[in-house]
Amino acid sequence: MSGSAILVACAALPESDGDEHAVPEALADLGFKSRWAAWDDTTVDFGAADIVILRATWDYAERRDEFLSWAESVPALSNSAEVVRWNTDKSYLAELGDAGVSVVPTTLIAPDEKAPRWPKGEFVLKPAVGAGSRGAGRFEAGDEAASHLAGLQADGNTVLLQPYQSSVDSEGELALVFFGGVYSHAFSKAAMLGRELDESGLYVTEKLAPVQPSAAFRALAEDTLDATAALLGILRAELLYARVDLVTGPDGRPSLLELELVEPSLGFRQTDASAAWRFASAVRQQLA
């Protein structure tokens, strides 16, 4: 099988952040001719490619409606426009929680809602639509939290309120990566709240390291993908990639922090070299 693939980024980072440096060669080994393009580059014929792969579209949050319209215009998009619409609004966490997935407790605050009664201890406020931890902050009850909430709401955001997971300070988050619905590898991410944005201004720099997740973390990640597929009415194999971000809860058990199906870094630099091959094989599977 041969074909053409477009890896999609954004104008500020036209070839991503370098994490996928091995992917074009792996695709070429399987007969795919690939190139990078920014999603809003009107000179590119995305419809002519056999597969269009979302990778680093990290400026979509401020232009989500435009981004969704573009996604719906691309017939061979992976992951699909339906998945993109669902996953770019973190309200999906409430749906997964209702479906029985162990999710970090999440309260949704609409743009016109008043500040709720703050929880005891530290908590996180972040926009429901956002990428790269932009707009996320860690607070205790008080004027600073109220001001941050008001600022996010003034921009029309629904806001997520979650108790801060103290395990992140010592363990970080665990990101489990799947290609074509099949587990590939995992890596840890150090706490990002309060860190500086990279020079592009699109994402918060992270300290990443390879990790071998426990059986409990693997099981929750698998359950998350099963529940997602059921909610969306698709097969897990239809997801070219998925990154399941988990943390250890106060009870010592894993909980879902976020599910990334649109533009996550996939940690190719934090795992074995054959991960790019596994990804390329999943691309081939999508076309088959």
Protein backbone atom coordinates (compact mmCIF):
# COMPACT_ATOMS: atom_id res chain seq x y z
CA MET A 1 0.00 0.00 0.00
CA SER A 2 1.21 3.51 -0.79
CA GLY A 3 -0.36 6.89 -0.32
CA SER A 4 0.02 10.52 0.66
CA ALA A 5 -0.20 11.92 4.16
CA ILE A 6 -0.32 15.45 5.51
CA LEU A 7 0.87 16.03 9.06
CA VAL A 8 -1.04 19.05 10.34
CA ALA A 9 0.44 21.71 12.59
CA CYS A 10 -0.05 25.47 12.88
CA ALA A 11 1.62 28.56 11.46
CA ALA A 12 3.63 29.25 14.62
CA LEU A 13 5.04 25.70 14.68
CA PRO A 14 4.81 24.51 11.07
CA GLU A 15 6.59 21.21 11.80
CA SER A 16 5.47 20.72 15.40
CA ASP A 17 8.00 20.82 18.27
CA GLY A 18 10.23 18.09 16.87
CA ASP A 19 8.67 15.17 18.71
CA GLU A 20 7.62 13.49 15.45
CA HIS A 21 11.04 13.75 13.80
CA ALA A 22 11.08 9.98 13.08
CA VAL A 23 7.50 9.74 11.81
CA PRO A 24 7.98 10.87 8.17
CA GLU A 25 10.73 8.28 7.66
CA ALA A 26 8.61 5.55 9.24
CA LEU A 27 5.72 6.50 6.97
CA ALA A 28 8.04 6.47 3.97
CA ASP A 29 9.17 2.96 4.84
CA LEU A 30 5.55 1.85 4.44
CA GLY A 31 5.10 3.69 1.15
CA PHE A 32 3.62 6.99 2.35
CA LYS A 33 4.80 10.30 1.04
CA SER A 34 4.23 12.83 3.82
CA ARG A 35 4.62 16.54 4.38
CA TRP A 36 3.74 19.14 6.99
CA ALA A 37 1.13 21.88 6.60
CA ALA A 38 -0.59 24.41 8.84
CA TRP A 39 -4.29 23.69 9.19
CA ASP A 40 -5.28 27.20 8.09
CA ASP A 41 -3.00 27.33 5.04
CA THR A 42 -5.50 28.01 2.27
CA THR A 43 -2.98 27.04 -0.42
CA VAL A 44 -3.01 23.39 0.69
CA ASP A 45 -5.47 20.92 -0.84
CA PHE A 46 -6.15 18.76 2.19
CA GLY A 47 -8.82 16.86 0.29
CA ALA A 48 -6.24 15.46 -2.10
CA ALA A 49 -4.34 13.53 0.60
CA ASP A 50 -5.13 9.92 1.44
CA ILE A 51 -4.92 10.75 5.14
CA VAL A 52 -4.64 14.04 7.03
CA ILE A 53 -3.16 13.61 10.50
CA LEU A 54 -3.73 16.19 13.21
CA ARG A 55 -0.55 16.75 15.17
CA ALA A 56 0.30 20.23 16.46
CA THR A 57 -2.72 22.44 15.82
CA TRP A 58 -2.06 24.21 19.10
CA ASP A 59 -3.61 27.55 18.16
CA TYR A 60 -7.13 26.16 17.71
CA ALA A 61 -8.46 27.16 21.13
CA GLU A 62 -8.87 30.84 20.23
CA ARG A 63 -10.44 29.90 16.85
CA ARG A 64 -12.34 26.74 17.67
CA ASP A 65 -15.36 27.41 15.45
CA GLU A 66 -13.10 28.07 12.47
CA PHE A 67 -11.02 25.00 13.32
CA LEU A 68 -14.09 22.77 13.54
CA SER A 69 -15.36 24.04 10.20
CA TRP A 70 -12.01 23.23 8.65
CA ALA A 71 -11.97 19.77 10.25
CA GLU A 72 -15.42 18.99 8.87
CA SER A 73 -14.21 19.94 5.38
CA VAL A 74 -11.42 17.34 5.40
CA PRO A 75 -12.79 13.92 4.45
CA ALA A 76 -9.72 11.86 5.42
CA LEU A 77 -9.03 13.50 8.78
CA SER A 78 -7.57 11.46 11.65
CA ASN A 79 -8.85 11.65 14.20
CA SER A 80 -12.23 12.43 12.65
CA ALA A 81 -14.07 15.75 12.82
CA GLU A 82 -16.68 14.15 15.09
CA VAL A 83 -13.96 13.16 17.54
CA VAL A 84 -12.40 16.62 17.27
CA ARG A 85 -15.66 18.39 18.13
CA TRP A 86 -16.25 16.14 21.16
CA ASN A 87 -12.71 16.17 22.50
CA THR A 88 -11.86 19.86 22.12
CA ASP A 89 -14.39 20.68 24.85
CA LYS A 90 -13.30 19.19 28.17
CA SER A 91 -16.92 18.83 29.18
CA TYR A 92 -16.40 15.30 27.83
CA LEU A 93 -14.96 14.49 31.27
CA ALA A 94 -18.44 14.71 32.77
CA GLU A 95 -19.72 12.31 30.09
CA LEU A 96 -16.98 9.81 30.82
CA GLY A 97 -17.63 10.11 34.54
CA ASP A 98 -21.32 9.40 33.96
CA ALA A 99 -20.26 6.37 31.89
CA GLY A 100 -18.46 4.91 34.91
CA VAL A 101 -14.88 5.99 34.22
CA SER A 102 -12.88 7.05 37.29
CA VAL A 103 -12.45 10.76 36.54
CA VAL A 104 -10.87 13.49 38.67
CA PRO A 105 -13.94 15.20 40.21
CA THR A 106 -14.95 17.90 37.74
CA THR A 107 -17.40 20.79 38.11
CA LEU A 108 -18.41 22.73 35.00
CA ILE A 109 -19.04 26.47 35.47
CA ALA A 110 -20.87 28.14 32.57
CA PRO A 111 -19.85 31.62 31.37
CA ASP A 112 -22.87 33.21 33.05
CA GLU A 113 -22.70 31.28 36.34
CA LYS A 114 -21.56 32.81 39.60
CA ALA A 115 -18.50 31.48 41.37
CA PRO A 116 -19.40 28.32 43.29
CA ARG A 117 -18.56 27.57 46.89
CA TRP A 118 -14.88 26.82 46.65
CA PRO A 119 -13.69 23.37 47.75
CA LYS A 120 -11.41 22.93 50.72
CA GLY A 121 -7.73 22.91 49.89
CA GLU A 122 -6.15 23.69 46.55
CA PHE A 123 -8.01 23.40 43.27
CA VAL A 124 -7.48 24.01 39.57
CA LEU A 125 -9.42 26.30 37.26
CA LYS A 126 -9.01 25.93 33.50
CA PRO A 127 -11.04 26.69 30.39
CA ALA A 128 -13.07 23.83 28.92
CA VAL A 129 -11.62 24.70 25.51
CA GLY A 130 -7.87 25.08 25.61
CA ALA A 131 -4.55 23.47 24.71
CA GLY A 132 -1.10 23.34 26.24
CA SER A 133 -2.32 24.21 29.78
CA ARG A 134 -2.91 27.81 28.75
CA GLY A 135 -5.37 29.49 31.09
CA ALA A 136 -4.97 26.84 33.79
CA GLY A 137 -4.17 27.92 37.33
CA ARG A 138 -3.84 26.46 40.83
CA PHE A 139 -5.62 28.30 43.63
CA GLU A 140 -7.05 28.30 47.11
CA ALA A 141 -10.37 29.95 47.94
CA GLY A 142 -10.15 33.72 47.70
CA ASP A 143 -10.04 36.78 45.48
CA GLU A 144 -7.31 35.44 43.18
CA ALA A 145 -9.41 32.41 42.24
CA ALA A 146 -12.52 34.54 41.76
CA SER A 147 -10.60 36.95 39.53
CA HIS A 148 -9.17 34.13 37.41
CA LEU A 149 -12.60 32.56 37.01
CA ALA A 150 -14.15 35.89 36.04
CA GLY A 151 -11.42 36.50 33.47
CA LEU A 152 -11.98 33.12 31.83
CA GLN A 153 -15.75 33.61 31.84
CA ALA A 154 -15.42 37.10 30.36
CA ASP A 155 -13.83 35.47 27.32
CA GLY A 156 -16.90 33.24 26.95
CA ASN A 157 -15.34 30.13 28.47
CA THR A 158 -17.02 27.36 30.35
CA VAL A 159 -14.58 26.67 33.19
CA LEU A 160 -13.54 23.38 34.78
CA LEU A 161 -13.07 23.27 38.53
CA GLN A 162 -11.10 20.29 39.84
CA PRO A 163 -9.50 19.57 43.21
CA TYR A 164 -5.73 19.74 42.86
CA GLN A 165 -4.21 16.27 42.81
CA SER A 166 -1.26 16.49 45.19
CA SER A 167 0.30 13.34 43.74
CA VAL A 168 1.25 15.43 40.70
CA ASP A 169 3.90 17.19 42.83
CA SER A 170 5.76 13.94 43.47
CA GLU A 171 4.68 11.62 40.64
CA GLY A 172 3.51 13.96 37.90
CA GLU A 173 0.95 12.78 35.38
CA LEU A 174 1.19 9.51 33.48
CA ALA A 175 0.42 9.69 29.77
CA LEU A 176 -0.50 6.37 28.16
CA VAL A 177 -0.35 6.36 24.36
CA PHE A 178 -2.42 4.18 22.04
CA PHE A 179 -2.16 3.78 18.26
CA GLY A 180 -5.17 2.34 16.45
CA GLY A 181 -6.69 1.47 19.82
CA VAL A 182 -3.66 -0.60 20.88
CA TYR A 183 -1.33 0.37 23.73
CA SER A 184 2.09 1.58 22.56
CA HIS A 185 4.01 3.25 25.40
CA ALA A 186 3.81 5.67 28.32
CA PHE A 187 5.68 8.62 29.74
CA SER A 188 5.47 10.85 32.80
CA LYS A 189 4.87 14.60 32.78
CA ALA A 190 6.01 16.82 35.64
CA ALA A 191 3.58 19.36 37.09
CA MET A 192 3.00 22.15 34.56
CA LEU A 193 0.88 24.70 36.43
CA GLY A 194 2.76 27.95 36.81
CA ARG A 195 5.47 27.04 34.29
CA GLU A 196 6.42 29.34 31.46
CA LEU A 197 5.09 29.12 27.92
CA ASP A 198 7.56 28.15 25.22
CA GLU A 199 8.73 30.84 22.80
CA SER A 200 5.79 30.13 20.45
CA GLY A 201 3.37 30.97 23.27
CA LEU A 202 1.30 27.89 22.42
CA TYR A 203 2.19 25.39 25.13
CA VAL A 204 3.76 25.08 28.56
CA THR A 205 7.18 23.43 28.58
CA GLU A 206 7.18 20.03 30.25
CA LYS A 207 9.67 17.70 31.89
CA LEU A 208 9.04 14.30 30.32
CA ALA A 209 10.45 10.85 31.05
CA PRO A 210 9.69 7.27 29.98
CA VAL A 211 7.72 5.17 32.46
CA GLN A 212 6.23 1.70 32.83
CA PRO A 213 2.67 2.12 34.15
CA SER A 214 1.17 -0.25 36.67
CA ALA A 215 -1.63 -2.67 35.81
CA ALA A 216 -4.18 -0.36 37.48
CA PHE A 217 -3.17 2.55 35.24
CA ARG A 218 -3.20 0.35 32.15
CA ALA A 219 -6.68 -0.94 33.02
CA LEU A 220 -8.14 2.54 33.53
CA ALA A 221 -6.67 3.73 30.24
CA GLU A 222 -8.25 0.75 28.47
CA ASP A 223 -11.59 1.41 30.20
CA THR A 224 -11.41 5.06 29.13
CA LEU A 225 -10.97 4.16 25.47
CA ASP A 226 -13.77 1.58 25.63
CA ALA A 227 -16.14 4.14 27.15
CA THR A 228 -15.12 6.77 24.61
CA ALA A 229 -15.73 4.44 21.68
CA ALA A 230 -19.16 3.56 23.08
CA LEU A 231 -20.10 7.23 23.58
CA LEU A 232 -19.02 8.15 20.05
CA GLY A 233 -20.42 5.02 18.41
CA ILE A 234 -17.08 4.03 16.88
CA LEU A 235 -14.54 1.25 17.19
CA ARG A 236 -11.40 1.88 19.22
CA ALA A 237 -9.39 1.02 16.12
CA GLU A 238 -10.86 4.09 14.42
CA LEU A 239 -8.81 6.30 16.74
CA LEU A 240 -5.46 6.69 14.99
CA TYR A 241 -3.98 7.85 18.28
CA ALA A 242 -5.08 8.56 21.83
CA ARG A 243 -3.24 9.82 24.88
CA VAL A 244 -4.82 9.05 28.24
CA ASP A 245 -3.52 11.33 31.02
CA LEU A 246 -3.88 9.78 34.48
CA VAL A 247 -2.99 10.78 38.03
CA THR A 248 -3.00 9.03 41.36
CA GLY A 249 -6.01 10.11 43.42
CA PRO A 250 -6.13 10.68 47.19
CA ASP A 251 -7.23 7.05 47.64
CA GLY A 252 -4.13 5.79 45.84
CA ARG A 253 -6.07 4.73 42.76
CA PRO A 254 -5.64 6.19 39.28
CA SER A 255 -8.06 8.78 37.93
CA LEU A 256 -8.50 10.28 34.47
CA LEU A 257 -7.29 13.87 34.23
CA GLU A 258 -7.67 14.34 30.47
CA LEU A 259 -8.15 12.31 27.32
CA GLU A 260 -6.27 13.75 24.35
CA LEU A 261 -7.58 12.78 20.90
CA VAL A 262 -6.82 15.87 18.81
CA GLU A 263 -3.31 17.30 19.05
CA PRO A 264 -1.31 15.82 21.93
CA SER A 265 2.42 15.30 22.00
CA LEU A 266 2.78 11.52 21.76
CA GLY A 267 6.16 11.13 23.46
CA PHE A 268 8.09 9.60 20.58
CA ARG A 269 11.28 10.97 22.14
CA GLN A 270 10.43 9.30 25.45
CA THR A 271 10.13 5.74 24.15
CA ASP A 272 11.77 3.17 21.90
CA ALA A 273 12.55 3.97 18.28
CA SER A 274 10.00 1.45 17.01
CA ALA A 275 7.13 3.65 18.26
CA ALA A 276 7.27 5.59 15.00
CA TRP A 277 6.86 2.29 13.16
CA ARG A 278 3.87 1.39 15.32
CA PHE A 279 2.36 4.76 14.48
CA ALA A 280 2.99 4.28 10.76
CA SER A 281 1.40 0.85 10.93
CA ALA A 282 -1.67 2.39 12.57
CA VAL A 283 -1.85 4.95 9.75
CA ARG A 284 -1.84 2.08 7.24
CA GLN A 285 -4.59 0.39 9.25
CA GLN A 286 -6.78 3.49 9.02
CA LEU A 287 -6.67 3.36 5.24
CA ALA A 288 -7.25 -0.39 5.12
